[in-house]
């Protein structure tokens, strides 16, 4: 096939700070980049590409991106969302993104320089605001590239199985630095900037936030949002608004070609896969899923944390988006014509040596698939066994029935990598040897492996006799009891490398994980406290992944009760979320008997 992709043929002129009126009269600042020749706007109609961002439409990277597409025959539009930077109004994250996005798309689609076709793009917040506006089905919306965006912020990303992802509390401080309040008061801006850059460790140590007690009180809607995230643990109407839970409105969602893009070490990995799966099942237009080995937004690097995947993991993001828009907005032949519905990067089976940057050569490869989850999946239960075993054999009556540990919420297990975004300067995403390092990982007290902690219990397979591929969603079935009426349980899957010349003690690499709050074991509509020391089954999803556990490695499952500061620590009291300031130590018991067969269901792929 001969590709007809757009090429650079125009100059660029820009109309800056065009103030578009929304349905309630609030005006949003919008930069519109036009194809031009010799400084004069080109005549004719063009397709439009829109991105709506809270991070400053005029940043150098935004300008470069807009010019890239405009030079290739698109009108490119970058808009500050409501309440941010040059736009009017108050910013309450995601609250108005659906109607504001709809109004913007429809205004653009009816302009004389638009051919009636509007596509959208954007990552993270700018991915989620696309998902929100699409639930209102604007007539001129023709296609989207939703990169690391939401399907439901409640069940993964803001909260996860009932537990708060504290990165969003950190994010509220980050965003306050460029708020309207900060821009209007240089002294306030200097102070919030200093706190965000230098003072966040002290702030995080004092979580949960107390209303009115920090500088965030000078930014009223930012503090209000942080308080509501902490305290709204039940899945109520608060979480079901279009901006937080597009999945609740998928029946109304635009039926248009959409590319969902994400990474295995991204905080939106589950959201990205679920958006594709749900919409692909109910819409007629082509839906595509692209999942790489990346952390949040890091598509053009070849590593995640301390794992190196090789040059094959790299993509040119603008070129990929251009191929998509050429195909969907211009009807040109492009590489998209040959895309399968699903393209994923399967990690692992690399050399296992260290590279020049001291990263592990974990390796991996791209592959094309017809759908997600993969049709070839063999769901396989691996049972927790007496003595720390993890096998496909069910436990017998002769096994020791349980393993216990003490969980002290004032001494939580530190976060070392994982699917994190917006955690800077406190947390780093990606894959790492699960070994403490106070110079790298906040909350880490020493250089010991996490597995030596008394509050981390491990279960692992024998040495693998052949490569084992795990690709797809993962489900944990944990039977556990506690001396507390409420607590948390975590599950983490690791790729255990054997000792080698480069790594004499071997490596414990985190692949995926999750957490569940006990009060939500029976559903998220309302909390239900436990009876002390009674065994319950906790069923919850870990983030999806794709990894080959190489011959000679082990698959390991770590169970604990905290992963801090990524998740808020359960105080074990059953008190009000985000308000209770008391703590209680709890005895946790993991059951693995014939009556209480704890197991993890791994999506094994045939060899």
Protein backbone atom coordinates (compact mmCIF):
# COMPACT_ATOMS: atom_id res chain seq x y z
CA UNK A 1 0.00 0.00 0.00
CA UNK A 2 1.20 3.51 -0.84
CA UNK A 3 0.54 5.85 2.08
CA UNK A 4 -0.90 9.28 1.30
CA UNK A 5 -0.08 10.91 4.63
CA UNK A 6 -0.15 14.68 5.04
CA UNK A 7 3.15 16.44 4.58
CA UNK A 8 4.44 19.82 5.63
CA UNK A 9 3.12 22.36 3.11
CA UNK A 10 1.83 25.37 5.08
CA UNK A 11 3.09 28.17 7.26
CA UNK A 12 1.23 29.00 10.48
CA UNK A 13 -0.66 32.02 11.76
CA UNK A 14 -2.35 32.04 15.15
CA UNK A 15 -5.25 33.90 16.71
CA UNK A 16 -4.40 33.94 20.41
CA UNK A 17 -6.80 34.18 23.34
CA UNK A 18 -10.00 33.96 21.35
CA UNK A 19 -12.61 34.00 24.12
CA UNK A 20 -15.26 31.37 23.38
CA UNK A 21 -18.51 31.76 25.32
CA UNK A 22 -19.93 28.66 26.97
CA UNK A 23 -23.65 28.07 27.56
CA UNK A 24 -23.51 29.81 30.96
CA UNK A 25 -21.62 32.85 29.61
CA UNK A 26 -18.18 31.86 30.95
CA UNK A 27 -15.50 32.54 28.35
CA UNK A 28 -12.64 30.13 27.68
CA UNK A 29 -9.33 31.32 26.24
CA UNK A 30 -8.56 29.54 22.99
CA UNK A 31 -5.58 29.68 20.62
CA UNK A 32 -6.44 28.86 17.00
CA UNK A 33 -3.61 27.93 14.62
CA UNK A 34 -4.40 28.33 10.91
CA UNK A 35 -2.63 26.96 7.82
CA UNK A 36 -1.13 29.94 6.01
CA UNK A 37 0.97 30.96 3.04
CA UNK A 38 3.35 33.91 3.16
CA UNK A 39 1.79 35.14 6.39
CA UNK A 40 -1.77 35.08 5.06
CA UNK A 41 -4.36 32.59 6.27
CA UNK A 42 -5.05 30.00 3.58
CA UNK A 43 -8.50 30.03 2.06
CA UNK A 44 -10.73 27.02 2.11
CA UNK A 45 -11.99 24.63 4.76
CA UNK A 46 -9.86 22.36 6.93
CA UNK A 47 -10.48 19.65 9.51
CA UNK A 48 -9.95 20.80 13.09
CA UNK A 49 -7.94 19.13 15.88
CA UNK A 50 -8.84 20.28 19.40
CA UNK A 51 -7.04 19.84 22.71
CA UNK A 52 -8.44 21.20 25.98
CA UNK A 53 -5.89 21.49 28.79
CA UNK A 54 -5.57 22.73 32.38
CA UNK A 55 -1.78 23.02 31.97
CA UNK A 56 -1.42 26.22 29.89
CA UNK A 57 -2.27 26.28 26.21
CA UNK A 58 0.73 28.55 25.55
CA UNK A 59 3.45 26.22 26.88
CA UNK A 60 6.26 25.69 24.34
CA UNK A 61 5.34 22.03 23.91
CA UNK A 62 1.74 22.93 23.10
CA UNK A 63 2.84 25.52 20.55
CA UNK A 64 5.22 23.05 18.87
CA UNK A 65 2.50 20.40 18.70
CA UNK A 66 -0.08 22.81 17.30
CA UNK A 67 2.30 23.98 14.58
CA UNK A 68 3.18 20.38 13.67
CA UNK A 69 -0.42 19.61 12.72
CA UNK A 70 -1.20 23.03 11.25
CA UNK A 71 1.72 22.83 8.82
CA UNK A 72 0.19 19.58 7.58
CA UNK A 73 -3.21 20.97 6.72
CA UNK A 74 -5.20 21.08 9.96
CA UNK A 75 -6.59 23.92 12.00
CA UNK A 76 -5.23 23.13 15.47
CA UNK A 77 -6.97 24.53 18.54
CA UNK A 78 -5.60 24.55 22.09
CA UNK A 79 -7.88 25.77 24.88
CA UNK A 80 -7.38 26.50 28.58
CA UNK A 81 -10.19 24.73 30.43
CA UNK A 82 -12.57 26.63 32.69
CA UNK A 83 -10.91 28.36 35.62
CA UNK A 84 -7.36 27.76 34.43
CA UNK A 85 -4.75 30.21 33.17
CA UNK A 86 -6.36 32.69 30.72
CA UNK A 87 -9.89 31.23 30.89
CA UNK A 88 -12.66 32.63 33.05
CA UNK A 89 -14.56 30.86 35.80
CA UNK A 90 -13.63 28.63 38.72
CA UNK A 91 -11.75 25.37 38.30
CA UNK A 92 -13.32 22.36 39.91
CA UNK A 93 -11.65 19.40 38.17
CA UNK A 94 -13.79 17.72 35.51
CA UNK A 95 -17.07 19.25 36.73
CA UNK A 96 -17.79 21.23 33.55
CA UNK A 97 -15.63 19.44 30.99
CA UNK A 98 -18.54 17.65 29.30
CA UNK A 99 -20.69 20.72 28.47
CA UNK A 100 -17.68 22.99 27.90
CA UNK A 101 -16.16 20.45 25.53
CA UNK A 102 -19.45 20.02 23.69
CA UNK A 103 -19.88 23.78 23.26
CA UNK A 104 -16.32 24.17 22.00
CA UNK A 105 -16.58 21.33 19.47
CA UNK A 106 -19.86 22.68 18.11
CA UNK A 107 -18.55 26.23 17.79
CA UNK A 108 -15.49 24.98 15.90
CA UNK A 109 -17.51 22.69 13.64
CA UNK A 110 -19.67 25.56 12.37
CA UNK A 111 -16.88 28.03 11.55
CA UNK A 112 -16.37 28.94 7.86
CA UNK A 113 -12.76 27.68 7.94
CA UNK A 114 -13.82 24.24 9.25
CA UNK A 115 -14.97 21.50 6.88
CA UNK A 116 -17.37 20.24 9.54
CA UNK A 117 -15.00 17.62 10.93
CA UNK A 118 -13.53 17.97 14.43
CA UNK A 119 -11.15 15.54 16.09
CA UNK A 120 -9.81 15.73 19.62
CA UNK A 121 -6.55 14.71 21.26
CA UNK A 122 -4.86 14.96 24.64
CA UNK A 123 -3.33 13.03 27.51
CA UNK A 124 -4.28 12.56 31.16
CA UNK A 125 -6.66 15.39 32.12
CA UNK A 126 -6.89 16.24 28.42
CA UNK A 127 -7.70 12.59 27.73
CA UNK A 128 -10.39 12.48 30.38
CA UNK A 129 -12.05 15.72 29.27
CA UNK A 130 -12.44 14.13 25.83
CA UNK A 131 -14.12 11.10 27.39
CA UNK A 132 -16.48 13.45 29.23
CA UNK A 133 -17.49 15.56 26.21
CA UNK A 134 -18.03 12.45 24.08
CA UNK A 135 -20.81 11.33 26.45
CA UNK A 136 -22.84 14.32 25.17
CA UNK A 137 -22.36 13.21 21.54
CA UNK A 138 -21.62 16.55 19.82
CA UNK A 139 -22.69 16.29 16.15
CA UNK A 140 -19.41 17.65 14.77
CA UNK A 141 -17.16 15.30 16.76
CA UNK A 142 -15.67 12.84 14.27
CA UNK A 143 -12.79 11.11 16.05
CA UNK A 144 -10.70 11.08 19.24
CA UNK A 145 -7.29 10.02 20.51
CA UNK A 146 -7.91 9.45 24.21
CA UNK A 147 -4.49 8.97 25.79
CA UNK A 148 -4.44 7.82 29.43
CA UNK A 149 -7.97 9.04 30.09
CA UNK A 150 -10.75 7.93 32.42
CA UNK A 151 -13.64 5.53 32.17
CA UNK A 152 -14.38 5.79 35.90
CA UNK A 153 -12.21 7.75 38.31
CA UNK A 154 -13.83 6.07 41.29
CA UNK A 155 -12.83 2.46 40.68
CA UNK A 156 -9.34 3.22 39.42
CA UNK A 157 -7.25 6.38 39.38
CA UNK A 158 -8.72 8.74 42.01
CA UNK A 159 -9.90 5.95 44.24
CA UNK A 160 -9.07 2.29 43.78
CA UNK A 161 -11.40 -0.32 45.25
CA UNK A 162 -12.43 2.22 47.88
CA UNK A 163 -8.94 3.55 48.70
CA UNK A 164 -7.80 7.11 47.92
CA UNK A 165 -4.88 7.62 45.55
CA UNK A 166 -3.09 10.41 47.40
CA UNK A 167 -1.33 11.67 44.30
CA UNK A 168 -4.42 13.78 43.68
CA UNK A 169 -3.91 15.58 46.98
CA UNK A 170 -0.37 16.35 45.81
CA UNK A 171 -1.84 17.36 42.44
CA UNK A 172 -4.08 19.95 44.12
CA UNK A 173 -0.94 21.72 45.39
CA UNK A 174 0.75 21.46 42.00
CA UNK A 175 -2.22 23.02 40.23
CA UNK A 176 -2.57 25.77 42.84
CA UNK A 177 0.84 27.07 41.73
CA UNK A 178 -0.71 28.26 38.44
CA UNK A 179 -4.17 29.08 39.78
CA UNK A 180 -6.00 32.37 39.29
CA UNK A 181 -5.41 33.11 42.98
CA UNK A 182 -1.64 32.62 42.64
CA UNK A 183 -1.39 34.66 39.44
CA UNK A 184 -3.21 37.55 41.14
CA UNK A 185 -0.94 37.56 44.23
CA UNK A 186 2.84 37.27 43.60
CA UNK A 187 3.59 36.65 47.29
CA UNK A 188 1.04 33.84 47.46
CA UNK A 189 2.42 32.36 44.23
CA UNK A 190 5.95 32.41 45.63
CA UNK A 191 4.83 30.68 48.82
CA UNK A 192 2.76 27.92 47.18
CA UNK A 193 5.60 27.35 44.70
CA UNK A 194 8.10 27.00 47.55
CA UNK A 195 5.84 24.56 49.40
CA UNK A 196 5.21 22.43 46.32
CA UNK A 197 8.88 22.29 45.36
CA UNK A 198 10.40 21.93 48.84
CA UNK A 199 7.71 21.34 51.45
CA UNK A 200 5.58 18.47 50.16
CA UNK A 201 7.25 15.77 52.32
CA UNK A 202 6.00 17.53 55.45
CA UNK A 203 2.54 17.98 53.92
CA UNK A 204 2.28 14.32 52.89
CA UNK A 205 3.41 13.18 56.33
CA UNK A 206 0.36 14.96 57.77
CA UNK A 207 -2.24 13.48 55.39
CA UNK A 208 -5.21 13.39 55.59
CA UNK A 209 -5.53 17.12 55.04
CA UNK A 210 -7.45 19.12 57.62
CA UNK A 211 -9.69 21.78 56.14
CA UNK A 212 -8.41 25.30 56.76
CA UNK A 213 -5.09 24.14 58.23
CA UNK A 214 -2.78 24.51 55.21
CA UNK A 215 -2.00 27.07 52.53
CA UNK A 216 -4.50 25.25 50.32
CA UNK A 217 -7.23 27.15 52.17
CA UNK A 218 -6.11 30.21 50.17
CA UNK A 219 -7.34 28.38 47.06
CA UNK A 220 -10.98 27.62 47.95
CA UNK A 221 -12.07 25.34 45.10
CA UNK A 222 -8.76 23.47 45.19
CA UNK A 223 -9.13 22.78 48.90
CA UNK A 224 -12.81 21.89 48.49
CA UNK A 225 -11.89 19.33 45.84
CA UNK A 226 -9.16 17.78 48.00
CA UNK A 227 -11.52 17.52 50.98
CA UNK A 228 -14.24 15.88 48.89
CA UNK A 229 -11.81 13.36 47.42
CA UNK A 230 -10.75 12.35 50.94
CA UNK A 231 -14.23 12.07 52.38
CA UNK A 232 -16.38 10.69 49.54
CA UNK A 233 -15.66 6.99 49.84
CA UNK A 234 -19.06 5.65 48.76
CA UNK A 235 -19.97 5.45 45.08
CA UNK A 236 -22.64 8.14 45.09
CA UNK A 237 -23.90 10.72 42.59
CA UNK A 238 -20.78 12.75 43.36
CA UNK A 239 -18.72 10.15 41.48
CA UNK A 240 -21.31 9.47 38.77
CA UNK A 241 -21.04 12.85 37.06
CA UNK A 242 -19.92 12.78 33.42
CA UNK A 243 -16.47 14.17 34.18
CA UNK A 244 -15.65 11.43 36.70
CA UNK A 245 -17.52 8.43 35.31
CA UNK A 246 -18.00 8.52 31.54
CA UNK A 247 -18.77 4.80 31.77
CA UNK A 248 -22.15 5.65 33.30
CA UNK A 249 -23.08 7.39 30.02
CA UNK A 250 -21.62 5.04 27.42
CA UNK A 251 -25.06 4.43 25.88
CA UNK A 252 -25.12 8.16 25.03
CA UNK A 253 -21.45 8.26 24.00
CA UNK A 254 -20.52 9.34 20.47
CA UNK A 255 -20.13 6.42 18.05
CA UNK A 256 -16.91 7.54 16.38
CA UNK A 257 -13.49 6.03 15.57
CA UNK A 258 -11.39 6.28 18.72
CA UNK A 259 -7.84 5.33 19.66
CA UNK A 260 -7.26 4.53 23.34
CA UNK A 261 -3.61 4.74 24.30
CA UNK A 262 -1.94 3.88 27.59
CA UNK A 263 0.90 2.17 29.42
CA UNK A 264 1.23 -0.79 31.76
CA UNK A 265 2.95 1.39 34.39
CA UNK A 266 0.47 4.24 33.99
CA UNK A 267 -2.14 5.21 36.57
CA UNK A 268 -4.85 4.94 33.89
CA UNK A 269 -3.95 1.44 32.64
CA UNK A 270 -7.20 -0.12 33.86
CA UNK A 271 -9.29 2.86 32.71
CA UNK A 272 -7.73 2.76 29.24
CA UNK A 273 -8.35 -0.95 28.72
CA UNK A 274 -11.88 -0.78 30.12
CA UNK A 275 -12.81 2.19 27.92
CA UNK A 276 -11.81 0.22 24.84
CA UNK A 277 -13.47 -3.01 25.97
CA UNK A 278 -16.80 -1.43 26.88
CA UNK A 279 -17.13 0.88 23.89
CA UNK A 280 -15.83 -1.69 21.41
CA UNK A 281 -18.66 -3.98 22.50
CA UNK A 282 -21.48 -1.45 21.96
CA UNK A 283 -20.33 0.90 19.18
CA UNK A 284 -20.15 0.26 15.43
CA UNK A 285 -17.24 2.60 14.66
CA UNK A 286 -13.70 1.23 14.83
CA UNK A 287 -12.20 1.29 18.32
CA UNK A 288 -8.46 0.73 18.78
CA UNK A 289 -6.31 0.02 21.83
CA UNK A 290 -2.56 0.70 22.02
CA UNK A 291 -0.81 -0.29 25.27
CA UNK A 292 2.94 0.14 25.70
CA UNK A 293 5.32 -0.50 28.60
CA UNK A 294 5.30 3.17 29.52
CA UNK A 295 4.72 5.29 32.57
CA UNK A 296 2.33 8.25 32.40
CA UNK A 297 2.73 10.05 29.08
CA UNK A 298 6.27 8.75 28.50
CA UNK A 299 5.63 7.22 25.07
CA UNK A 300 8.88 8.33 23.47
CA UNK A 301 11.29 6.76 25.96
CA UNK A 302 12.25 3.09 26.13
CA UNK A 303 12.22 2.56 29.90
CA UNK A 304 9.87 2.62 32.87
CA UNK A 305 11.54 3.21 36.20
CA UNK A 306 14.60 0.94 36.28
CA UNK A 307 13.39 -1.34 33.46
CA UNK A 308 14.76 -0.96 29.92
CA UNK A 309 12.64 -2.42 27.12
CA UNK A 310 14.79 -1.65 24.09
CA UNK A 311 14.43 0.74 21.18
CA UNK A 312 11.38 -1.13 19.92
CA UNK A 313 9.35 0.36 22.78
CA UNK A 314 9.77 3.89 21.38
CA UNK A 315 7.10 5.55 19.26
CA UNK A 316 6.97 8.97 17.59
CA UNK A 317 3.81 10.28 19.19
CA UNK A 318 3.05 13.14 16.81
CA UNK A 319 3.60 10.90 13.78
CA UNK A 320 1.23 8.31 15.25
CA UNK A 321 -1.45 10.94 15.86
CA UNK A 322 -0.98 12.34 12.36
CA UNK A 323 -1.51 8.90 10.82
CA UNK A 324 -4.71 8.54 12.85
CA UNK A 325 -6.12 11.96 11.91
CA UNK A 326 -5.12 11.59 8.26
CA UNK A 327 -7.10 8.35 8.22
CA UNK A 328 -10.16 9.52 10.16
CA UNK A 329 -10.45 13.23 9.28
CA UNK A 330 -9.00 13.35 5.76
CA UNK A 331 -9.76 9.86 4.51
CA UNK A 332 -6.15 9.35 3.41
CA UNK A 333 -4.43 6.00 3.26
CA UNK A 334 -2.06 5.71 6.21
CA UNK A 335 -0.53 3.05 8.40
CA UNK A 336 -3.82 2.96 10.31
CA UNK A 337 -5.31 0.97 7.41
CA UNK A 338 -3.14 -1.95 8.51
CA UNK A 339 -3.70 -1.64 12.26
CA UNK A 340 -5.27 -4.46 14.20
CA UNK A 341 -7.88 -3.53 16.79
CA UNK A 342 -5.38 -4.08 19.60
CA UNK A 343 -1.63 -3.54 19.68
CA UNK A 344 0.19 -4.28 22.92
CA UNK A 345 3.76 -4.43 24.14
CA UNK A 346 4.53 -7.64 26.02
CA UNK A 347 7.29 -6.98 28.53
CA UNK A 348 9.96 -9.41 29.69
CA UNK A 349 12.22 -12.23 28.44
CA UNK A 350 15.09 -9.80 27.92
CA UNK A 351 18.79 -10.30 28.57
CA UNK A 352 18.46 -9.63 32.28
CA UNK A 353 21.73 -7.70 32.33
CA UNK A 354 22.40 -4.08 33.25
CA UNK A 355 22.75 -1.35 30.62
CA UNK A 356 24.93 1.76 30.59
CA UNK A 357 22.27 3.68 32.57
CA UNK A 358 22.15 1.00 35.29
CA UNK A 359 18.74 -0.15 34.10
CA UNK A 360 17.71 -3.78 33.84
CA UNK A 361 17.37 -5.07 30.27
CA UNK A 362 13.91 -6.50 30.83
CA UNK A 363 13.08 -6.60 27.11
CA UNK A 364 9.81 -7.08 25.29
CA UNK A 365 8.08 -6.96 21.92
CA UNK A 366 5.03 -5.50 20.15
CA UNK A 367 2.21 -7.75 19.01
CA UNK A 368 -1.13 -7.36 17.24
CA UNK A 369 -4.35 -8.84 18.59
CA UNK A 370 -8.00 -8.89 17.55
CA UNK A 371 -9.47 -7.88 20.90
CA UNK A 372 -9.03 -7.35 24.62
CA UNK A 373 -8.90 -9.42 26.76
CA UNK A 374 -7.13 -11.82 24.40
CA UNK A 375 -9.22 -14.70 23.06
CA UNK A 376 -6.31 -17.04 23.78
CA UNK A 377 -6.39 -16.35 27.54
CA UNK A 378 -6.40 -19.33 29.89
CA UNK A 379 -7.57 -18.00 33.29
CA UNK A 380 -5.48 -19.94 35.79
CA UNK A 381 -5.88 -19.90 39.56
CA UNK A 382 -2.66 -19.85 41.57
CA UNK A 383 -3.36 -20.75 45.19
CA UNK A 384 -1.60 -19.38 48.24
CA UNK A 385 -0.03 -22.27 50.11
CA UNK A 386 1.45 -23.02 53.48
CA UNK A 387 5.11 -22.03 53.66
CA UNK A 388 4.83 -19.30 51.03
CA UNK A 389 4.05 -21.42 47.99
CA UNK A 390 2.01 -20.26 44.99
CA UNK A 391 0.76 -23.15 42.88
CA UNK A 392 -2.10 -24.21 40.66
CA UNK A 393 -2.86 -27.01 43.13
CA UNK A 394 -5.72 -26.29 45.50
CA UNK A 395 -4.83 -26.39 49.22
CA UNK A 396 -5.51 -29.62 51.06
CA UNK A 397 -6.87 -30.11 54.54
CA UNK A 398 -3.40 -30.98 55.83
CA UNK A 399 -2.03 -27.51 55.04
CA UNK A 400 -1.41 -24.95 57.74
CA UNK A 401 -4.52 -22.84 57.26
CA UNK A 402 -3.31 -19.26 57.72
CA UNK A 403 -0.50 -16.70 57.84
CA UNK A 404 -0.69 -13.66 60.12
CA UNK A 405 1.08 -10.32 60.42
CA UNK A 406 0.73 -7.10 62.38
CA UNK A 407 -0.26 -3.95 60.49
CA UNK A 408 0.73 -0.68 62.14
CA UNK A 409 -0.71 2.25 60.16
CA UNK A 410 2.02 4.50 61.58
CA UNK A 411 4.68 2.32 59.91
CA UNK A 412 3.29 1.67 56.41
CA UNK A 413 4.96 -0.22 53.56
CA UNK A 414 6.63 2.42 51.35
CA UNK A 415 5.65 2.90 47.72
CA UNK A 416 8.36 1.77 45.30
CA UNK A 417 7.14 2.43 41.77
CA UNK A 418 3.93 1.19 40.21
CA UNK A 419 1.18 2.78 38.13
CA UNK A 420 1.52 6.36 39.33
CA UNK A 421 1.08 9.79 37.78
CA UNK A 422 1.21 13.32 39.18
CA UNK A 423 3.13 11.99 42.17
CA UNK A 424 6.16 14.22 41.81
CA UNK A 425 8.07 15.25 43.84
CA UNK A 426 7.05 12.43 46.21
CA UNK A 427 6.57 9.28 44.10
CA UNK A 428 8.14 7.86 40.95
CA UNK A 429 6.28 5.48 38.60
CA UNK A 430 7.53 2.35 36.90
CA UNK A 431 9.18 -0.97 37.61
CA UNK A 432 11.84 -1.24 40.31
CA UNK A 433 13.59 -3.80 42.45
CA UNK A 434 11.41 -3.76 45.57
CA UNK A 435 14.22 -2.68 47.82
CA UNK A 436 14.21 0.40 50.02
CA UNK A 437 16.34 3.42 49.21
CA UNK A 438 15.71 6.57 51.29
CA UNK A 439 17.44 8.70 48.64
CA UNK A 440 14.94 7.60 45.96
CA UNK A 441 11.72 6.46 47.58
CA UNK A 442 9.80 8.64 50.01
CA UNK A 443 8.92 6.78 53.20
CA UNK A 444 11.71 4.25 52.75
CA UNK A 445 13.76 3.90 55.95
CA UNK A 446 16.54 1.53 54.87
CA UNK A 447 18.01 -0.42 51.96
CA UNK A 448 16.34 -3.72 52.76
CA UNK A 449 13.98 -5.63 50.52
CA UNK A 450 10.32 -5.03 51.27
CA UNK A 451 9.87 -8.79 51.57
CA UNK A 452 11.87 -8.87 54.81
CA UNK A 453 9.31 -6.68 56.55
CA UNK A 454 7.15 -8.52 59.06
CA UNK A 455 4.02 -6.95 57.53
CA UNK A 456 4.68 -8.26 53.99
CA UNK A 457 3.84 -11.92 53.40
CA UNK A 458 5.06 -13.54 50.20
CA UNK A 459 3.87 -16.47 48.11
CA UNK A 460 5.86 -17.59 45.08
CA UNK A 461 6.02 -20.30 42.46
CA UNK A 462 8.89 -22.74 42.14
CA UNK A 463 11.53 -21.79 39.59
CA UNK A 464 9.74 -21.67 36.25
CA UNK A 465 10.69 -24.49 33.89
CA UNK A 466 9.69 -22.45 30.84
CA UNK A 467 8.61 -18.93 29.93
CA UNK A 468 5.15 -18.07 31.28
CA UNK A 469 3.24 -15.18 29.73
CA UNK A 470 0.66 -13.27 31.76
CA UNK A 471 -1.40 -10.88 29.60
CA UNK A 472 -4.73 -9.38 30.60
CA UNK A 473 -6.76 -8.34 33.64
CA UNK A 474 -5.85 -10.02 36.95
CA UNK A 475 -8.28 -10.86 39.74
CA UNK A 476 -7.42 -11.45 43.39
CA UNK A 477 -9.55 -13.69 45.63
CA UNK A 478 -8.21 -13.10 49.12
CA UNK A 479 -9.68 -14.74 52.19
CA UNK A 480 -8.63 -12.69 55.20
CA UNK A 481 -9.65 -11.59 58.66
CA UNK A 482 -8.57 -8.76 60.93
CA UNK A 483 -8.74 -7.71 64.55
CA UNK A 484 -9.96 -4.35 63.18
CA UNK A 485 -13.46 -3.51 61.96
CA UNK A 486 -11.98 -1.87 58.86
CA UNK A 487 -8.59 -2.25 57.20
CA UNK A 488 -6.92 -2.56 53.80
CA UNK A 489 -5.30 -5.44 51.94
CA UNK A 490 -2.81 -5.05 49.10
CA UNK A 491 -1.76 -7.51 46.40
CA UNK A 492 1.36 -7.08 44.27
CA UNK A 493 2.61 -9.37 41.48
CA UNK A 494 6.39 -9.50 41.02
CA UNK A 495 8.82 -10.97 38.51
CA UNK A 496 11.57 -12.50 40.66
CA UNK A 497 14.93 -12.59 38.89
CA UNK A 498 17.49 -15.16 40.07
CA UNK A 499 20.97 -14.06 41.18
CA UNK A 500 23.30 -13.10 38.33
CA UNK A 501 26.73 -11.45 37.91
CA UNK A 502 25.07 -8.04 37.47
CA UNK A 503 22.57 -8.62 40.30
CA UNK A 504 24.15 -11.03 42.82
CA UNK A 505 21.11 -10.97 45.12
CA UNK A 506 18.58 -11.22 42.31
CA UNK A 507 15.75 -8.75 41.76
CA UNK A 508 12.11 -8.46 42.83
CA UNK A 509 10.46 -6.43 40.05
CA UNK A 510 6.95 -5.08 40.56
CA UNK A 511 4.70 -5.86 37.58
CA UNK A 512 1.23 -4.84 38.79
CA UNK A 513 -0.72 -4.34 42.01
CA UNK A 514 -3.86 -3.07 43.68
CA UNK A 515 -5.55 -2.58 47.04
CA UNK A 516 -9.01 -2.95 48.60
CA UNK A 517 -10.68 -1.30 51.58
CA UNK A 518 -12.45 -3.87 53.73
CA UNK A 519 -15.56 -1.77 54.34
CA UNK A 520 -16.26 -1.96 50.57
CA UNK A 521 -15.84 -5.73 50.17
CA UNK A 522 -19.56 -6.13 49.37
CA UNK A 523 -19.82 -3.20 46.98
CA UNK A 524 -19.05 0.48 46.77
CA UNK A 525 -22.51 1.98 47.21
CA UNK A 526 -22.13 2.00 50.99
CA UNK A 527 -19.59 0.94 53.58
CA UNK A 528 -20.04 -2.11 55.78
CA UNK A 529 -17.70 -2.70 58.71
CA UNK A 530 -16.37 -6.15 59.55
CA UNK A 531 -16.80 -8.35 62.57
CA UNK A 532 -13.42 -8.66 64.24
CA UNK A 533 -11.51 -11.87 63.39
CA UNK A 534 -14.20 -13.16 61.03
CA UNK A 535 -12.96 -14.44 57.65
CA UNK A 536 -14.21 -12.64 54.54
CA UNK A 537 -13.48 -13.03 50.85
CA UNK A 538 -12.07 -9.91 49.17
CA UNK A 539 -12.36 -9.99 45.39
CA UNK A 540 -10.65 -7.19 43.49
CA UNK A 541 -8.92 -6.44 40.22
CA UNK A 542 -5.27 -5.61 39.84
CA UNK A 543 -4.20 -3.38 36.98
CA UNK A 544 -3.90 -5.26 33.67
CA UNK A 545 -0.48 -6.10 32.34
CA UNK A 546 1.46 -8.08 29.75
CA UNK A 547 4.68 -9.72 30.91
CA UNK A 548 6.68 -12.84 30.18
CA UNK A 549 8.08 -14.41 33.34
CA UNK A 550 11.21 -16.04 31.97
CA UNK A 551 12.43 -19.56 32.55
CA UNK A 552 14.34 -19.69 35.84
CA UNK A 553 12.35 -16.79 37.32
CA UNK A 554 9.52 -17.00 39.82
CA UNK A 555 6.07 -15.42 39.90
CA UNK A 556 5.54 -13.91 43.33
CA UNK A 557 2.53 -12.45 45.11
CA UNK A 558 3.05 -10.09 48.04
CA UNK A 559 0.19 -9.45 50.45
CA UNK A 560 0.21 -6.57 52.92
CA UNK A 561 -2.06 -3.78 54.16
CA UNK A 562 -0.46 -0.56 52.94
CA UNK A 563 1.33 1.05 50.00
CA UNK A 564 2.13 4.56 51.17
CA UNK A 565 2.11 7.35 50.15
CA UNK A 566 0.49 6.14 46.93
CA UNK A 567 -2.65 5.17 48.86
CA UNK A 568 -4.06 6.68 52.03
CA UNK A 569 -3.37 4.51 55.07
CA UNK A 570 -6.34 2.83 56.71
CA UNK A 571 -6.45 3.85 60.37
CA UNK A 572 -8.08 0.49 61.27
CA UNK A 573 -10.71 2.24 63.40
CA UNK A 574 -13.71 2.26 61.07
CA UNK A 575 -13.88 6.04 61.50
CA UNK A 576 -14.97 8.63 58.95
CA UNK A 577 -12.75 8.72 55.87
CA UNK A 578 -10.53 11.78 55.62
CA UNK A 579 -11.59 13.00 59.06
CA UNK A 580 -10.56 10.39 61.63
CA UNK A 581 -7.17 11.18 63.20
CA UNK A 582 -6.84 8.14 65.47
CA UNK A 583 -4.95 4.94 64.64
CA UNK A 584 -5.11 1.32 65.74
CA UNK A 585 -2.69 -1.55 65.18
CA UNK A 586 -4.37 -4.64 63.73
CA UNK A 587 -3.58 -8.33 63.49
CA UNK A 588 -4.18 -9.44 59.91
CA UNK A 589 -4.68 -13.07 58.94
CA UNK A 590 -4.44 -14.39 55.39
CA UNK A 591 -6.31 -17.68 55.02
CA UNK A 592 -5.20 -20.36 52.56
CA UNK A 593 -7.04 -23.52 53.55
CA UNK A 594 -9.47 -25.79 51.74
CA UNK A 595 -12.34 -23.85 53.33
CA UNK A 596 -10.81 -20.44 52.59
CA UNK A 597 -8.78 -20.96 49.39
CA UNK A 598 -7.10 -17.63 48.68
CA UNK A 599 -5.93 -17.46 45.08
CA UNK A 600 -5.03 -15.10 42.27
CA UNK A 601 -6.40 -15.63 38.76
CA UNK A 602 -3.69 -14.98 36.19
CA UNK A 603 -4.47 -14.60 32.45
CA UNK A 604 -1.99 -17.17 31.17
CA UNK A 605 -1.28 -17.25 27.42
CA UNK A 606 -0.48 -20.51 25.63
CA UNK A 607 3.20 -21.04 24.91
